[in-house]
């Protein structure tokens, strides 16, 4: 399993090389299912201050 906050279309901007980013995306996405998760983050650092880190 792998996760990314950047869509595969933006990988070239992150890596700085269109060809390399395309090859990585092609190999990473071969025989897999892509699931786009939308909505609020459940990461502790993104929780409102009143909820705290422990919930």
PDB file of N, CA and C in Angstrom:
ATOM      1  N   UNK A   1       0.842  -1.158   0.000  1.00  0.00           N
ATOM      2  CA  UNK A   1       0.000   0.000   0.000  1.00  0.00           C
ATOM      3  C   UNK A   1       0.895   1.232   0.000  1.00  0.00           C
ATOM      4  N   UNK A   2       0.468   2.243  -0.714  1.00  0.00           N
ATOM      5  CA  UNK A   2       1.174   3.520  -0.739  1.00  0.00           C
ATOM      6  C   UNK A   2       0.146   4.638  -0.705  1.00  0.00           C
ATOM      7  N   UNK A   3       0.512   5.723  -0.083  1.00  0.00           N
ATOM      8  CA  UNK A   3      -0.364   6.881  -0.053  1.00  0.00           C
ATOM      9  C   UNK A   3       0.410   8.105  -0.505  1.00  0.00           C
ATOM     10  N   UNK A   4      -0.314   9.076  -1.017  1.00  0.00           N
ATOM     11  CA  UNK A   4       0.311  10.314  -1.465  1.00  0.00           C
ATOM     12  C   UNK A   4      -0.693  11.445  -1.344  1.00  0.00           C
ATOM     13  N   UNK A   5      -0.215  12.602  -0.954  1.00  0.00           N
ATOM     14  CA  UNK A   5      -1.089  13.768  -0.920  1.00  0.00           C
ATOM     15  C   UNK A   5      -1.054  14.508  -2.258  1.00  0.00           C
ATOM     16  N   UNK A   6      -0.267  13.981  -3.191  1.00  0.00           N
ATOM     17  CA  UNK A   6      -0.159  14.556  -4.533  1.00  0.00           C
ATOM     18  C   UNK A   6      -0.664  13.522  -5.524  1.00  0.00           C
ATOM     19  N   UNK A   7      -1.564  13.929  -6.403  1.00  0.00           N
ATOM     20  CA  UNK A   7      -2.056  13.017  -7.434  1.00  0.00           C
ATOM     21  C   UNK A   7      -0.955  12.658  -8.412  1.00  0.00           C
ATOM     22  N   UNK A   8      -1.124  11.554  -9.127  1.00  0.00           N
ATOM     23  CA  UNK A   8      -0.086  11.103 -10.055  1.00  0.00           C
ATOM     24  C   UNK A   8       0.231  12.158 -11.113  1.00  0.00           C
ATOM     25  N   UNK A   9      -0.728  13.006 -11.443  1.00  0.00           N
ATOM     26  CA  UNK A   9      -0.477  14.072 -12.402  1.00  0.00           C
ATOM     27  C   UNK A   9       0.496  15.122 -11.890  1.00  0.00           C
ATOM     28  N   UNK A  10       0.661  15.223 -10.590  1.00  0.00           N
ATOM     29  CA  UNK A  10       1.565  16.199 -10.002  1.00  0.00           C
ATOM     30  C   UNK A  10       2.924  15.635  -9.624  1.00  0.00           C
ATOM     31  N   UNK A  11       3.158  14.367  -9.885  1.00  0.00           N
ATOM     32  CA  UNK A  11       4.422  13.749  -9.500  1.00  0.00           C
ATOM     33  C   UNK A  11       5.607  14.343 -10.252  1.00  0.00           C
ATOM     34  N   UNK A  12       5.395  14.806 -11.476  1.00  0.00           N
ATOM     35  CA  UNK A  12       6.491  15.420 -12.236  1.00  0.00           C
ATOM     36  C   UNK A  12       6.950  16.707 -11.563  1.00  0.00           C
ATOM     37  N   UNK A  13       6.021  17.454 -11.000  1.00  0.00           N
ATOM     38  CA  UNK A  13       6.390  18.685 -10.301  1.00  0.00           C
ATOM     39  C   UNK A  13       7.210  18.370  -9.056  1.00  0.00           C
ATOM     40  N   UNK A  14       6.876  17.288  -8.380  1.00  0.00           N
ATOM     41  CA  UNK A  14       7.590  16.902  -7.162  1.00  0.00           C
ATOM     42  C   UNK A  14       8.977  16.369  -7.501  1.00  0.00           C
ATOM     43  N   UNK A  15       9.064  15.505  -8.512  1.00  0.00           N
ATOM     44  CA  UNK A  15      10.343  14.874  -8.848  1.00  0.00           C
ATOM     45  C   UNK A  15      11.223  15.767  -9.716  1.00  0.00           C
ATOM     46  N   UNK A  16      10.596  16.673 -10.465  1.00  0.00           N
ATOM     47  CA  UNK A  16      11.370  17.538 -11.347  1.00  0.00           C
ATOM     48  C   UNK A  16      11.681  16.927 -12.704  1.00  0.00           C
ATOM     49  N   UNK A  17      11.156  15.743 -12.980  1.00  0.00           N
ATOM     50  CA  UNK A  17      11.441  15.056 -14.239  1.00  0.00           C
ATOM     51  C   UNK A  17      10.183  14.345 -14.722  1.00  0.00           C
ATOM     52  N   UNK A  18       9.643  14.795 -15.847  1.00  0.00           N
ATOM     53  CA  UNK A  18       8.410  14.219 -16.387  1.00  0.00           C
ATOM     54  C   UNK A  18       8.543  12.734 -16.715  1.00  0.00           C
ATOM     55  N   UNK A  19       9.644  12.339 -17.337  1.00  0.00           N
ATOM     56  CA  UNK A  19       9.825  10.952 -17.775  1.00  0.00           C
ATOM     57  C   UNK A  19       9.928  10.017 -16.576  1.00  0.00           C
ATOM     58  N   UNK A  20      10.717  10.401 -15.593  1.00  0.00           N
ATOM     59  CA  UNK A  20      10.877   9.567 -14.395  1.00  0.00           C
ATOM     60  C   UNK A  20       9.566   9.455 -13.634  1.00  0.00           C
ATOM     61  N   UNK A  21       8.872  10.568 -13.473  1.00  0.00           N
ATOM     62  CA  UNK A  21       7.589  10.556 -12.756  1.00  0.00           C
ATOM     63  C   UNK A  21       6.576   9.677 -13.477  1.00  0.00           C
ATOM     64  N   UNK A  22       6.560   9.737 -14.796  1.00  0.00           N
ATOM     65  CA  UNK A  22       5.642   8.910 -15.574  1.00  0.00           C
ATOM     66  C   UNK A  22       5.968   7.430 -15.406  1.00  0.00           C
ATOM     67  N   UNK A  23       7.243   7.087 -15.422  1.00  0.00           N
ATOM     68  CA  UNK A  23       7.647   5.686 -15.266  1.00  0.00           C
ATOM     69  C   UNK A  23       7.293   5.174 -13.868  1.00  0.00           C
ATOM     70  N   UNK A  24       7.518   5.987 -12.849  1.00  0.00           N
ATOM     71  CA  UNK A  24       7.187   5.584 -11.478  1.00  0.00           C
ATOM     72  C   UNK A  24       5.680   5.399 -11.340  1.00  0.00           C
ATOM     73  N   UNK A  25       4.899   6.346 -11.851  1.00  0.00           N
ATOM     74  CA  UNK A  25       3.436   6.248 -11.765  1.00  0.00           C
ATOM     75  C   UNK A  25       2.936   5.007 -12.507  1.00  0.00           C
ATOM     76  N   UNK A  26       3.511   4.733 -13.674  1.00  0.00           N
ATOM     77  CA  UNK A  26       3.108   3.574 -14.462  1.00  0.00           C
ATOM     78  C   UNK A  26       3.352   2.281 -13.696  1.00  0.00           C
ATOM     79  N   UNK A  27       4.510   2.147 -13.091  1.00  0.00           N
ATOM     80  CA  UNK A  27       4.842   0.927 -12.360  1.00  0.00           C
ATOM     81  C   UNK A  27       4.098   0.818 -11.034  1.00  0.00           C
ATOM     82  N   UNK A  28       3.891   1.944 -10.376  1.00  0.00           N
ATOM     83  CA  UNK A  28       3.190   1.938  -9.091  1.00  0.00           C
ATOM     84  C   UNK A  28       1.704   1.619  -9.269  1.00  0.00           C
ATOM     85  N   UNK A  29       1.143   2.032 -10.384  1.00  0.00           N
ATOM     86  CA  UNK A  29      -0.301   1.876 -10.601  1.00  0.00           C
ATOM     87  C   UNK A  29      -0.668   0.634 -11.414  1.00  0.00           C
ATOM     88  N   UNK A  30       0.317  -0.122 -11.873  1.00  0.00           N
ATOM     89  CA  UNK A  30       0.052  -1.329 -12.652  1.00  0.00           C
ATOM     90  C   UNK A  30      -0.538  -2.406 -11.743  1.00  0.00           C
ATOM     91  N   UNK A  31      -1.653  -2.976 -12.126  1.00  0.00           N
ATOM     92  CA  UNK A  31      -2.330  -4.020 -11.344  1.00  0.00           C
ATOM     93  C   UNK A  31      -2.718  -3.546  -9.941  1.00  0.00           C
ATOM     94  N   UNK A  32      -3.215  -2.339  -9.829  1.00  0.00           N
ATOM     95  CA  UNK A  32      -3.651  -1.865  -8.516  1.00  0.00           C
ATOM     96  C   UNK A  32      -4.957  -1.097  -8.666  1.00  0.00           C
ATOM     97  N   UNK A  33      -5.520  -0.744  -7.562  1.00  0.00           N
ATOM     98  CA  UNK A  33      -6.726   0.079  -7.543  1.00  0.00           C
ATOM     99  C   UNK A  33      -6.377   1.412  -6.911  1.00  0.00           C
ATOM    100  N   UNK A  34      -6.761   2.483  -7.566  1.00  0.00           N
ATOM    101  CA  UNK A  34      -6.552   3.816  -7.018  1.00  0.00           C
ATOM    102  C   UNK A  34      -7.824   4.237  -6.297  1.00  0.00           C
ATOM    103  N   UNK A  35      -7.673   4.694  -5.087  1.00  0.00           N
ATOM    104  CA  UNK A  35      -8.817   5.142  -4.293  1.00  0.00           C
ATOM    105  C   UNK A  35      -8.572   6.584  -3.889  1.00  0.00           C
ATOM    106  N   UNK A  36      -9.446   7.469  -4.316  1.00  0.00           N
ATOM    107  CA  UNK A  36      -9.334   8.875  -3.949  1.00  0.00           C
ATOM    108  C   UNK A  36     -10.205   9.105  -2.719  1.00  0.00           C
ATOM    109  N   UNK A  37      -9.585   9.579  -1.668  1.00  0.00           N
ATOM    110  CA  UNK A  37     -10.291   9.846  -0.419  1.00  0.00           C
ATOM    111  C   UNK A  37     -10.489  11.348  -0.306  1.00  0.00           C
ATOM    112  N   UNK A  38     -11.723  11.758  -0.181  1.00  0.00           N
ATOM    113  CA  UNK A  38     -12.032  13.182  -0.037  1.00  0.00           C
ATOM    114  C   UNK A  38     -12.615  13.427   1.352  1.00  0.00           C
ATOM    115  N   UNK A  39     -12.470  14.613   1.817  1.00  0.00           N
ATOM    116  CA  UNK A  39     -13.021  14.953   3.123  1.00  0.00           C
ATOM    117  C   UNK A  39     -11.949  15.420   4.079  1.00  0.00           C
ATOM    118  N   UNK A  40     -12.328  15.550   5.324  1.00  0.00           N
ATOM    119  CA  UNK A  40     -11.423  16.034   6.346  1.00  0.00           C
ATOM    120  C   UNK A  40     -10.351  15.002   6.679  1.00  0.00           C
ATOM    121  N   UNK A  41      -9.197  15.492   7.054  1.00  0.00           N
ATOM    122  CA  UNK A  41      -8.096  14.623   7.457  1.00  0.00           C
ATOM    123  C   UNK A  41      -8.360  14.058   8.839  1.00  0.00           C
ATOM    124  N   UNK A  42      -7.884  12.858   9.067  1.00  0.00           N
ATOM    125  CA  UNK A  42      -7.982  12.240  10.386  1.00  0.00           C
ATOM    126  C   UNK A  42      -6.628  12.226  11.080  1.00  0.00           C
ATOM    127  N   UNK A  43      -5.663  12.943  10.529  1.00  0.00           N
ATOM    128  CA  UNK A  43      -4.335  13.016  11.123  1.00  0.00           C
ATOM    129  C   UNK A  43      -4.398  13.887  12.371  1.00  0.00           C
ATOM    130  N   UNK A  44      -3.737  13.481  13.436  1.00  0.00           N
ATOM    131  CA  UNK A  44      -3.770  14.254  14.686  1.00  0.00           C
ATOM    132  C   UNK A  44      -3.338  15.706  14.515  1.00  0.00           C
ATOM    133  N   UNK A  45      -2.361  15.981  13.652  1.00  0.00           N
ATOM    134  CA  UNK A  45      -1.899  17.351  13.493  1.00  0.00           C
ATOM    135  C   UNK A  45      -2.952  18.243  12.841  1.00  0.00           C
ATOM    136  N   UNK A  46      -3.956  17.649  12.170  1.00  0.00           N
ATOM    137  CA  UNK A  46      -4.982  18.421  11.490  1.00  0.00           C
ATOM    138  C   UNK A  46      -6.271  18.543  12.290  1.00  0.00           C
ATOM    139  N   UNK A  47      -6.321  17.943  13.468  1.00  0.00           N
ATOM    140  CA  UNK A  47      -7.519  18.025  14.291  1.00  0.00           C
ATOM    141  C   UNK A  47      -7.646  19.416  14.909  1.00  0.00           C
ATOM    142  N   UNK A  48      -8.870  19.872  15.167  1.00  0.00           N
ATOM    143  CA  UNK A  48      -9.028  21.149  15.850  1.00  0.00           C
ATOM    144  C   UNK A  48      -8.342  21.129  17.221  1.00  0.00           C
ATOM    145  N   UNK A  49      -7.876  22.277  17.673  1.00  0.00           N
ATOM    146  CA  UNK A  49      -7.124  22.368  18.922  1.00  0.00           C
ATOM    147  C   UNK A  49      -7.930  21.887  20.123  1.00  0.00           C
ATOM    148  N   UNK A  50      -9.264  22.099  20.136  1.00  0.00           N
ATOM    149  CA  UNK A  50     -10.079  21.707  21.292  1.00  0.00           C
ATOM    150  C   UNK A  50     -10.216  20.196  21.425  1.00  0.00           C
ATOM    151  N   UNK A  51      -9.988  19.440  20.353  1.00  0.00           N
ATOM    152  CA  UNK A  51     -10.076  17.975  20.431  1.00  0.00           C
ATOM    153  C   UNK A  51      -8.790  17.375  20.966  1.00  0.00           C
ATOM    154  N   UNK A  52      -7.680  18.076  20.799  1.00  0.00           N
ATOM    155  CA  UNK A  52      -6.405  17.563  21.287  1.00  0.00           C
ATOM    156  C   UNK A  52      -5.909  16.401  20.462  1.00  0.00           C
ATOM    157  N   UNK A  53      -4.769  15.900  20.814  1.00  0.00           N
ATOM    158  CA  UNK A  53      -4.152  14.804  20.065  1.00  0.00           C
ATOM    159  C   UNK A  53      -4.702  13.446  20.486  1.00  0.00           C
ATOM    160  N   UNK A  54      -5.295  13.350  21.660  1.00  0.00           N
ATOM    161  CA  UNK A  54      -5.766  12.058  22.143  1.00  0.00           C
ATOM    162  C   UNK A  54      -7.246  11.811  21.845  1.00  0.00           C
ATOM    163  N   UNK A  55      -7.909  12.776  21.222  1.00  0.00           N
ATOM    164  CA  UNK A  55      -9.306  12.598  20.839  1.00  0.00           C
ATOM    165  C   UNK A  55     -10.207  13.016  21.917  1.00  0.00           C
TER     166      UNK A  55
END
